[in-house]
Amino acid sequence: MIRRALILYALFFGLVLIVGWTMGAPFTARLLVETAAYALIALGLNIQWGYGGLFNFGILGLVMLGGFAVTAMAMPVSTAFWGSDGPWLIGRAIIAAGIGALLIIGAGRLDRIGFSRGWKRTFQVLAWIVAYIGFRTQIDPAVESIESSVRWIGGLGLPSWVGWIFGGVLAAGVAWLIGKVTLGLRSDYLAIATIGIAEIIRALIKNMEWLTRGTLTVSPVPWPVPLPQAYQADGISVTDSFVYARAGYLILVVAVLVAALLLVQRAYAGPWGRMMRAIRDNYIAAGAMGKDVRARQLQLFVLGSALIGIGGAMLTSFTQIYDPSGYQTIDHTFLIWVMVIVGGAGNNFGAVFGGMLIYLVWVMSEPVSQWLFTRLSDWFVSLGWAPIPEIASRALQMRVFVLGLVIVLALRYAPRGLIPEVTGRTRLDEKPTTKTESPDPA
């Protein structure tokens, strides 16, 4: 298995060299940065699906939260907002939300002081109503005041890497709330629930213009490393400046990816990993052995979501623009699932390899298809036939076809992934290696 992994990674880097030779160093550096970020997101999904068998189809929402986090932390401070009544109004809304949360938590624990189940549910419903009304009476005036004056609260002016950390924390916190509600559902219902929650997150982010700017977009998002313009100011050429800047960004992203990979791999190879595999393979038996199945699944869900949030923050920071309307299900959910399935669910190195390979195929299928269609069209013209119309749009659509072809081939010839999970199970047809004692003739 190690030999196969080494060969596949070597072939991948061979493809990268070919891309660099044909497309140029700046394009290849950009491709590698995005590839590493998507590999981190695939690693997060592998923790959820490969370790715990959790069908998370809400990846898009977590990626969007990561992107929002880096803009909230790294964008410049809005002096107009902090000089207005906005902070005081937002503070009152936060206090109202906190009081409402305490009411809801308290109502959920009334049975501990002697209230019956019926009274407990009645007070819970009342607590939710009071909390909602109290929060809306504070947040609505705050939103109206901000949108009518400064329109957007701005950021905090912190380094971008702080936004990456906050992206992981924010995604993990939201995942904890989602997991507390949905992890009791069966796998197919869990998938449906997470899809719905992801759409709710996308709708909130697109419509909360006072907080996220919505469809107006946020740009330019600062980098954690020097931009190409900084290198150009030192007399470096435009092409080389993009290579140097993107190479610096790539080093930082790869460092985060490698650190996460090593930490997760070390944990999965120990007792914690064996417990997670036991829960995934037979949660009923694991529960009978005294394991807290729901708590461990929630742990996996939160940990994987944190990596997904960090990956989403990295992508937003690199592109320097946060556009909620640019997040699509096929790019930020379906594509991630293909990465894990093709790479090998349950194998960290397989998930990372699948993330890098599938994103490379996804990006390069368009220019390769356009080159091929152009050559075919010229050949058709030389034969007196009509040229191929709308080559650019057809080449863009070929990405979906190529991705589907990759899935079919992978499921046919490598159903467990290109680098499948390695288990320590003993084959049933193996003969025992220890000798048995002969019965006592007496």
Protein backbone atom coordinates (compact mmCIF):
# COMPACT_ATOMS: atom_id res chain seq x y z
CA MET A 1 0.00 0.00 0.00
CA ILE A 2 2.85 2.40 0.77
CA ARG A 3 4.39 1.59 -2.59
CA ARG A 4 1.13 2.35 -4.39
CA ALA A 5 0.79 5.66 -2.56
CA LEU A 6 4.33 6.71 -3.43
CA ILE A 7 3.82 5.81 -7.09
CA LEU A 8 0.54 7.73 -7.29
CA TYR A 9 1.97 10.82 -5.62
CA ALA A 10 4.98 10.67 -7.96
CA LEU A 11 2.66 10.45 -10.97
CA PHE A 12 0.67 13.41 -9.67
CA PHE A 13 3.75 15.60 -9.35
CA GLY A 14 4.73 14.47 -12.83
CA LEU A 15 1.39 15.83 -14.06
CA VAL A 16 2.11 19.07 -12.20
CA LEU A 17 5.43 19.39 -14.04
CA ILE A 18 3.65 18.90 -17.35
CA VAL A 19 1.09 21.55 -16.42
CA GLY A 20 3.89 23.92 -15.44
CA TRP A 21 5.66 23.34 -18.74
CA THR A 22 2.52 23.98 -20.81
CA MET A 23 0.65 26.61 -18.77
CA GLY A 24 3.49 28.52 -17.14
CA ALA A 25 4.76 28.95 -13.59
CA PRO A 26 2.24 31.61 -12.40
CA PHE A 27 -0.75 29.47 -13.38
CA THR A 28 0.80 26.36 -11.84
CA ALA A 29 1.53 28.17 -8.58
CA ARG A 30 -2.09 29.31 -8.38
CA LEU A 31 -3.29 25.80 -9.16
CA LEU A 32 -1.14 24.28 -6.42
CA VAL A 33 -2.39 26.74 -3.80
CA GLU A 34 -6.02 25.97 -4.57
CA THR A 35 -5.24 22.26 -4.77
CA ALA A 36 -3.71 22.24 -1.29
CA ALA A 37 -6.71 24.13 0.14
CA TYR A 38 -9.15 21.68 -1.43
CA ALA A 39 -7.05 18.78 -0.12
CA LEU A 40 -7.49 20.18 3.41
CA ILE A 41 -11.25 20.35 2.89
CA ALA A 42 -11.25 16.76 1.60
CA LEU A 43 -9.30 15.71 4.69
CA GLY A 44 -12.01 17.28 6.85
CA LEU A 45 -14.74 15.37 5.01
CA ASN A 46 -12.71 12.17 5.31
CA ILE A 47 -12.73 12.60 9.09
CA GLN A 48 -16.51 12.78 9.03
CA TRP A 49 -17.28 10.15 6.40
CA GLY A 50 -14.21 7.93 6.39
CA TYR A 51 -13.89 7.80 10.19
CA GLY A 52 -17.49 7.99 11.33
CA GLY A 53 -19.68 7.26 8.31
CA LEU A 54 -21.43 10.66 8.63
CA PHE A 55 -23.14 11.86 5.45
CA ASN A 56 -22.33 15.56 5.52
CA PHE A 57 -23.72 17.26 2.43
CA GLY A 58 -23.52 20.68 4.02
CA ILE A 59 -19.91 21.34 3.04
CA LEU A 60 -20.86 24.43 1.07
CA GLY A 61 -22.21 26.17 4.17
CA LEU A 62 -19.06 25.43 6.18
CA VAL A 63 -16.82 26.68 3.37
CA MET A 64 -18.85 29.89 3.19
CA LEU A 65 -18.50 30.37 6.95
CA GLY A 66 -14.73 30.07 6.60
CA GLY A 67 -14.74 32.70 3.86
CA PHE A 68 -16.86 35.04 5.95
CA ALA A 69 -14.58 34.57 8.96
CA VAL A 70 -11.45 35.72 7.13
CA THR A 71 -13.22 38.82 5.81
CA ALA A 72 -14.57 39.66 9.27
CA MET A 73 -11.11 39.39 10.81
CA ALA A 74 -8.79 40.68 8.09
CA MET A 75 -10.68 43.48 6.35
CA PRO A 76 -9.84 47.04 7.48
CA VAL A 77 -11.67 48.57 10.40
CA SER A 78 -14.66 50.77 9.49
CA THR A 79 -14.21 53.99 11.44
CA ALA A 80 -17.67 55.11 10.32
CA PHE A 81 -19.28 52.09 11.96
CA TRP A 82 -17.35 52.30 15.22
CA GLY A 83 -18.06 56.00 15.44
CA SER A 84 -21.82 55.48 15.15
CA ASP A 85 -24.46 53.90 17.37
CA GLY A 86 -23.98 50.58 15.57
CA PRO A 87 -21.68 48.90 18.12
CA TRP A 88 -24.02 49.76 21.00
CA LEU A 89 -27.05 48.48 19.11
CA ILE A 90 -25.27 45.26 18.11
CA GLY A 91 -24.12 44.80 21.72
CA ARG A 92 -27.71 45.04 22.96
CA ALA A 93 -28.75 42.41 20.39
CA ILE A 94 -25.96 40.09 21.55
CA ILE A 95 -27.05 40.54 25.18
CA ALA A 96 -30.64 39.76 24.21
CA ALA A 97 -29.49 36.64 22.37
CA GLY A 98 -27.51 35.54 25.41
CA ILE A 99 -30.47 36.02 27.75
CA GLY A 100 -32.69 34.09 25.34
CA ALA A 101 -30.17 31.25 25.22
CA LEU A 102 -30.10 31.09 29.02
CA LEU A 103 -33.91 30.95 29.12
CA ILE A 104 -33.95 28.08 26.63
CA ILE A 105 -31.26 26.15 28.50
CA GLY A 106 -33.01 26.72 31.82
CA ALA A 107 -36.35 25.56 30.44
CA GLY A 108 -34.69 22.38 29.20
CA ARG A 109 -33.55 21.53 32.74
CA LEU A 110 -36.78 22.12 34.65
CA ASP A 111 -37.26 18.37 35.06
CA ARG A 112 -34.29 18.36 37.42
CA ILE A 113 -36.18 20.45 39.95
CA GLY A 114 -39.41 18.46 39.88
CA PHE A 115 -41.38 19.76 36.88
CA SER A 116 -43.22 17.16 34.81
CA ARG A 117 -42.36 16.49 31.18
CA GLY A 118 -45.48 18.31 29.97
CA TRP A 119 -44.69 21.49 31.90
CA LYS A 120 -41.08 21.29 30.75
CA ARG A 121 -42.09 21.26 27.09
CA THR A 122 -44.56 24.09 27.66
CA PHE A 123 -41.89 26.28 29.22
CA GLN A 124 -39.44 25.34 26.45
CA VAL A 125 -41.88 26.57 23.81
CA LEU A 126 -42.48 29.77 25.77
CA ALA A 127 -38.73 30.27 26.23
CA TRP A 128 -38.15 29.99 22.47
CA ILE A 129 -40.94 32.49 21.77
CA VAL A 130 -39.67 34.98 24.35
CA ALA A 131 -36.07 34.59 23.15
CA TYR A 132 -37.07 35.15 19.52
CA ILE A 133 -39.16 38.22 20.26
CA GLY A 134 -36.51 39.68 22.54
CA PHE A 135 -33.76 39.20 19.96
CA ARG A 136 -35.76 40.60 17.06
CA THR A 137 -36.74 43.69 19.03
CA GLN A 138 -33.03 44.48 19.38
CA ILE A 139 -31.49 43.26 16.13
CA ASP A 140 -34.04 44.83 13.74
CA PRO A 141 -33.35 48.45 14.83
CA ALA A 142 -29.61 47.73 14.75
CA VAL A 143 -29.76 46.38 11.19
CA GLU A 144 -31.90 49.29 10.02
CA SER A 145 -29.53 51.81 11.56
CA ILE A 146 -26.39 50.20 10.07
CA GLU A 147 -27.81 49.75 6.57
CA SER A 148 -29.11 53.31 6.47
CA SER A 149 -25.83 54.88 7.58
CA VAL A 150 -22.62 52.85 7.06
CA ARG A 151 -24.22 49.85 5.23
CA TRP A 152 -21.50 47.44 6.42
CA ILE A 153 -19.72 46.99 9.75
CA GLY A 154 -16.34 46.18 8.17
CA GLY A 155 -13.62 43.99 9.61
CA LEU A 156 -11.22 44.05 12.53
CA GLY A 157 -7.97 44.69 10.65
CA LEU A 158 -6.25 41.57 12.01
CA PRO A 159 -3.78 39.33 10.07
CA SER A 160 -5.31 36.91 7.60
CA TRP A 161 -4.02 33.86 9.45
CA VAL A 162 -6.16 34.95 12.41
CA GLY A 163 -9.12 34.79 10.03
CA TRP A 164 -8.11 31.25 9.09
CA ILE A 165 -8.16 30.22 12.74
CA PHE A 166 -11.47 31.98 13.31
CA GLY A 167 -12.85 30.25 10.21
CA GLY A 168 -12.09 26.87 11.75
CA VAL A 169 -13.54 27.92 15.11
CA LEU A 170 -16.70 29.38 13.55
CA ALA A 171 -17.30 26.33 11.36
CA ALA A 172 -16.69 24.02 14.34
CA GLY A 173 -19.13 25.98 16.51
CA VAL A 174 -21.87 25.88 13.87
CA ALA A 175 -21.14 22.19 13.28
CA TRP A 176 -21.61 21.55 17.00
CA LEU A 177 -25.07 23.11 16.87
CA ILE A 178 -25.93 21.19 13.70
CA GLY A 179 -24.62 17.93 15.14
CA LYS A 180 -26.60 18.27 18.36
CA VAL A 181 -29.76 18.42 16.26
CA THR A 182 -29.08 16.11 13.32
CA LEU A 183 -26.64 13.37 14.34
CA GLY A 184 -29.47 11.28 15.73
CA LEU A 185 -30.84 10.92 12.20
CA ARG A 186 -30.18 7.95 9.94
CA SER A 187 -27.55 8.41 7.24
CA ASP A 188 -29.88 9.38 4.37
CA TYR A 189 -31.91 11.73 6.55
CA LEU A 190 -28.68 13.25 7.86
CA ALA A 191 -27.62 14.01 4.30
CA ILE A 192 -30.94 15.72 3.55
CA ALA A 193 -30.80 17.71 6.79
CA THR A 194 -27.25 18.96 6.18
CA ILE A 195 -28.16 20.02 2.64
CA GLY A 196 -31.02 22.08 4.02
CA ILE A 197 -28.83 23.65 6.71
CA ALA A 198 -26.19 24.56 4.12
CA GLU A 199 -28.83 26.34 2.05
CA ILE A 200 -30.02 28.19 5.16
CA ILE A 201 -26.45 29.36 5.83
CA ARG A 202 -26.06 30.49 2.22
CA ALA A 203 -29.36 32.40 2.34
CA LEU A 204 -28.41 34.12 5.59
CA ILE A 205 -24.98 35.16 4.31
CA LYS A 206 -26.41 36.46 1.03
CA ASN A 207 -29.10 38.53 2.75
CA MET A 208 -27.26 39.88 5.83
CA GLU A 209 -25.66 42.76 3.95
CA TRP A 210 -24.92 44.69 7.14
CA LEU A 211 -22.67 41.84 8.30
CA THR A 212 -21.36 40.13 5.14
CA ARG A 213 -22.15 42.71 2.39
CA GLY A 214 -24.19 39.93 0.76
CA THR A 215 -24.07 39.92 -3.03
CA LEU A 216 -22.14 43.21 -3.06
CA THR A 217 -18.96 41.15 -2.36
CA VAL A 218 -15.99 42.00 -0.17
CA SER A 219 -12.60 42.76 -1.74
CA PRO A 220 -9.68 42.90 -1.70
CA VAL A 221 -9.20 40.43 1.15
CA PRO A 222 -5.63 40.79 2.56
CA TRP A 223 -3.02 38.08 2.17
CA PRO A 224 -0.95 36.62 5.02
CA VAL A 225 2.16 36.96 2.82
CA PRO A 226 3.40 39.79 0.57
CA LEU A 227 1.34 40.42 -2.56
CA PRO A 228 2.82 40.47 -6.09
CA GLN A 229 2.68 44.28 -6.00
CA ALA A 230 5.15 44.27 -3.11
CA TYR A 231 7.66 42.31 -5.20
CA GLN A 232 7.05 44.56 -8.21
CA ALA A 233 7.86 47.57 -6.06
CA ASP A 234 11.31 46.03 -5.51
CA GLY A 235 11.95 45.86 -9.25
CA ILE A 236 10.92 42.24 -9.88
CA SER A 237 9.10 41.56 -13.13
CA VAL A 238 5.35 41.02 -13.18
CA THR A 239 5.59 37.33 -14.04
CA ASP A 240 8.20 36.57 -11.41
CA SER A 241 6.34 38.61 -8.80
CA PHE A 242 3.25 36.43 -9.17
CA VAL A 243 5.39 33.29 -8.91
CA TYR A 244 7.16 34.50 -5.75
CA ALA A 245 3.97 35.71 -4.07
CA ARG A 246 2.00 32.57 -4.84
CA ALA A 247 4.94 30.38 -3.83
CA GLY A 248 5.00 32.08 -0.43
CA TYR A 249 1.26 31.52 -0.05
CA LEU A 250 1.70 27.90 -1.14
CA ILE A 251 4.34 27.26 1.53
CA LEU A 252 1.97 28.52 4.22
CA VAL A 253 -0.98 26.47 2.98
CA VAL A 254 1.09 23.31 2.61
CA ALA A 255 2.46 23.77 6.12
CA VAL A 256 -1.09 23.87 7.51
CA LEU A 257 -2.08 20.85 5.41
CA VAL A 258 0.92 18.78 6.48
CA ALA A 259 0.45 19.69 10.15
CA ALA A 260 -3.24 18.72 10.03
CA LEU A 261 -2.46 15.51 8.16
CA LEU A 262 0.21 14.40 10.63
CA LEU A 263 -1.91 15.20 13.69
CA VAL A 264 -4.98 13.45 12.33
CA GLN A 265 -2.95 10.46 11.17
CA ARG A 266 -1.30 10.11 14.57
CA ALA A 267 -4.67 10.24 16.35
CA TYR A 268 -6.29 7.77 13.94
CA ALA A 269 -3.47 5.28 14.35
CA GLY A 270 -3.97 5.13 18.14
CA PRO A 271 -6.74 3.95 20.47
CA TRP A 272 -8.95 6.88 19.49
CA GLY A 273 -8.86 5.78 15.86
CA ARG A 274 -9.68 2.17 16.73
CA MET A 275 -12.66 3.34 18.74
CA MET A 276 -13.87 5.48 15.84
CA ARG A 277 -13.56 2.56 13.41
CA ALA A 278 -15.52 0.37 15.81
CA ILE A 279 -18.31 2.95 16.01
CA ARG A 280 -18.36 3.37 12.25
CA ASP A 281 -18.48 -0.35 11.50
CA ASN A 282 -21.01 -1.30 14.18
CA TYR A 283 -22.29 1.50 16.38
CA ILE A 284 -24.71 -0.84 18.16
CA ALA A 285 -21.91 -3.12 19.32
CA ALA A 286 -19.76 -0.12 20.24
CA GLY A 287 -22.59 1.31 22.33
CA ALA A 288 -23.06 -2.04 24.03
CA MET A 289 -19.37 -1.92 24.98
CA GLY A 290 -19.97 1.36 26.82
CA LYS A 291 -18.86 3.87 24.14
CA ASP A 292 -20.74 7.15 23.89
CA VAL A 293 -21.57 6.90 20.19
CA ARG A 294 -23.34 10.26 19.85
CA ALA A 295 -20.56 12.14 21.62
CA ARG A 296 -17.84 10.55 19.50
CA GLN A 297 -19.75 11.22 16.27
CA LEU A 298 -20.23 14.83 17.32
CA GLN A 299 -16.50 15.01 17.97
CA LEU A 300 -15.75 13.82 14.44
CA PHE A 301 -18.30 16.19 12.94
CA VAL A 302 -16.82 19.20 14.72
CA LEU A 303 -13.20 18.29 13.96
CA GLY A 304 -13.86 17.71 10.27
CA SER A 305 -15.87 20.92 10.00
CA ALA A 306 -13.02 22.90 11.54
CA LEU A 307 -10.67 21.77 8.75
CA ILE A 308 -13.33 22.54 6.14
CA GLY A 309 -13.74 26.04 7.58
CA ILE A 310 -9.99 26.66 7.50
CA GLY A 311 -9.84 25.48 3.89
CA GLY A 312 -12.69 27.81 2.95
CA ALA A 313 -10.91 30.73 4.61
CA MET A 314 -7.72 29.93 2.69
CA LEU A 315 -9.54 29.94 -0.65
CA THR A 316 -11.28 33.25 0.04
CA SER A 317 -8.07 34.86 1.23
CA PHE A 318 -6.21 33.66 -1.86
CA THR A 319 -8.78 34.86 -4.39
CA GLN A 320 -9.06 38.15 -2.44
CA ILE A 321 -12.81 38.34 -2.97
CA TYR A 322 -15.74 37.04 -0.96
CA ASP A 323 -18.76 36.59 -3.20
CA PRO A 324 -21.59 34.50 -1.64
CA SER A 325 -23.23 34.09 -5.05
CA GLY A 326 -20.05 32.40 -6.34
CA TYR A 327 -20.47 29.36 -4.09
CA GLN A 328 -22.06 26.50 -6.00
CA THR A 329 -23.05 23.05 -4.80
CA ILE A 330 -21.17 21.26 -7.57
CA ASP A 331 -17.92 23.08 -6.73
CA HIS A 332 -18.09 23.07 -2.95
CA THR A 333 -19.99 19.89 -2.09
CA PHE A 334 -20.17 17.37 -4.91
CA LEU A 335 -16.55 17.93 -5.96
CA ILE A 336 -15.32 17.36 -2.39
CA TRP A 337 -17.21 14.08 -2.15
CA VAL A 338 -15.67 12.91 -5.42
CA MET A 339 -12.22 13.70 -3.99
CA VAL A 340 -12.77 11.50 -0.95
CA ILE A 341 -14.42 8.65 -2.88
CA VAL A 342 -11.76 8.54 -5.59
CA GLY A 343 -8.85 9.04 -3.20
CA GLY A 344 -9.97 6.50 -0.63
CA ALA A 345 -12.37 7.05 2.27
CA GLY A 346 -10.84 6.20 5.63
CA ASN A 347 -7.29 6.83 4.43
CA ASN A 348 -5.92 10.31 5.16
CA PHE A 349 -3.24 10.13 2.49
CA GLY A 350 -5.84 8.83 0.04
CA ALA A 351 -8.21 11.72 0.78
CA VAL A 352 -5.42 14.28 0.33
CA PHE A 353 -4.32 12.62 -2.91
CA GLY A 354 -7.91 12.53 -4.16
CA GLY A 355 -8.30 16.21 -3.32
CA MET A 356 -5.21 17.17 -5.31
CA LEU A 357 -5.88 14.86 -8.27
CA ILE A 358 -9.57 15.67 -8.74
CA TYR A 359 -9.03 19.41 -8.51
CA LEU A 360 -6.22 19.17 -11.05
CA VAL A 361 -8.51 17.21 -13.39
CA TRP A 362 -11.38 19.64 -12.74
CA VAL A 363 -9.32 22.71 -13.63
CA MET A 364 -7.30 21.30 -16.51
CA SER A 365 -10.19 19.57 -18.27
CA GLU A 366 -11.41 22.93 -19.60
CA PRO A 367 -8.20 24.13 -21.36
CA VAL A 368 -7.41 20.61 -22.59
CA SER A 369 -10.93 20.24 -24.01
CA GLN A 370 -10.71 23.67 -25.62
CA TRP A 371 -7.39 22.77 -27.24
CA LEU A 372 -8.81 19.47 -28.50
CA PHE A 373 -12.02 21.06 -29.84
CA THR A 374 -10.00 23.75 -31.60
CA ARG A 375 -7.83 21.16 -33.35
CA LEU A 376 -10.89 19.13 -34.33
CA SER A 377 -12.65 22.23 -35.61
CA ASP A 378 -9.66 23.19 -37.77
CA TRP A 379 -9.58 19.65 -39.14
CA PHE A 380 -13.30 19.75 -39.92
CA VAL A 381 -12.83 23.04 -41.79
CA SER A 382 -9.98 21.56 -43.80
CA LEU A 383 -12.32 18.75 -44.86
CA GLY A 384 -14.98 21.23 -45.91
CA TRP A 385 -17.22 20.61 -42.91
CA ALA A 386 -18.71 23.19 -40.56
CA PRO A 387 -16.55 24.23 -37.60
CA ILE A 388 -17.47 23.33 -34.02
CA PRO A 389 -19.59 26.20 -32.62
CA GLU A 390 -19.19 27.76 -29.16
CA ILE A 391 -15.95 25.99 -28.33
CA ALA A 392 -15.37 27.93 -25.10
CA SER A 393 -18.75 27.05 -23.57
CA ARG A 394 -18.50 23.43 -24.71
CA ALA A 395 -15.05 23.11 -23.16
CA LEU A 396 -16.37 24.49 -19.88
CA GLN A 397 -19.17 21.93 -19.87
CA MET A 398 -16.67 19.13 -20.47
CA ARG A 399 -15.49 19.48 -16.87
CA VAL A 400 -18.67 17.79 -15.64
CA PHE A 401 -18.33 15.03 -18.24
CA VAL A 402 -14.71 14.36 -17.34
CA LEU A 403 -15.54 14.33 -13.64
CA GLY A 404 -18.33 11.84 -14.21
CA LEU A 405 -15.99 9.67 -16.27
CA VAL A 406 -13.43 9.70 -13.46
CA ILE A 407 -16.10 8.62 -10.96
CA VAL A 408 -17.24 5.73 -13.18
CA LEU A 409 -13.70 4.49 -13.75
CA ALA A 410 -12.82 4.79 -10.08
CA LEU A 411 -15.90 2.92 -8.91
CA ARG A 412 -15.34 0.23 -11.53
CA TYR A 413 -11.63 -0.44 -11.03
CA ALA A 414 -10.96 0.98 -7.53
CA PRO A 415 -14.23 0.91 -5.57
CA ARG A 416 -12.40 1.49 -2.27
CA GLY A 417 -10.38 4.38 -3.70
CA LEU A 418 -6.97 4.72 -5.28
CA ILE A 419 -5.33 4.57 -1.84
CA PRO A 420 -7.85 2.57 0.21
CA GLU A 421 -8.07 2.27 3.95
CA VAL A 422 -5.69 -0.27 5.49
CA THR A 423 -7.24 -2.49 8.12
CA GLY A 424 -5.67 -5.08 10.36
CA ARG A 425 -8.29 -7.73 9.81
CA THR A 426 -7.16 -11.31 9.38
CA ARG A 427 -8.33 -13.11 6.29
CA LEU A 428 -10.71 -15.98 6.96
CA ASP A 429 -8.85 -18.35 4.67
CA GLU A 430 -5.53 -17.92 6.50
CA LYS A 431 -4.28 -20.89 8.44
CA PRO A 432 -3.33 -20.38 12.07
CA THR A 433 0.38 -19.88 12.61
CA THR A 434 0.50 -21.26 16.15
CA LYS A 435 0.60 -24.93 16.89
CA THR A 436 -2.11 -26.49 19.01
CA GLU A 437 -1.25 -28.85 21.79
CA SER A 438 -2.06 -32.49 21.18
CA PRO A 439 -4.60 -34.00 23.51
CA ASP A 440 -3.37 -35.88 26.52
CA PRO A 441 -3.35 -39.61 25.65
CA ALA A 442 -4.31 -40.40 29.20
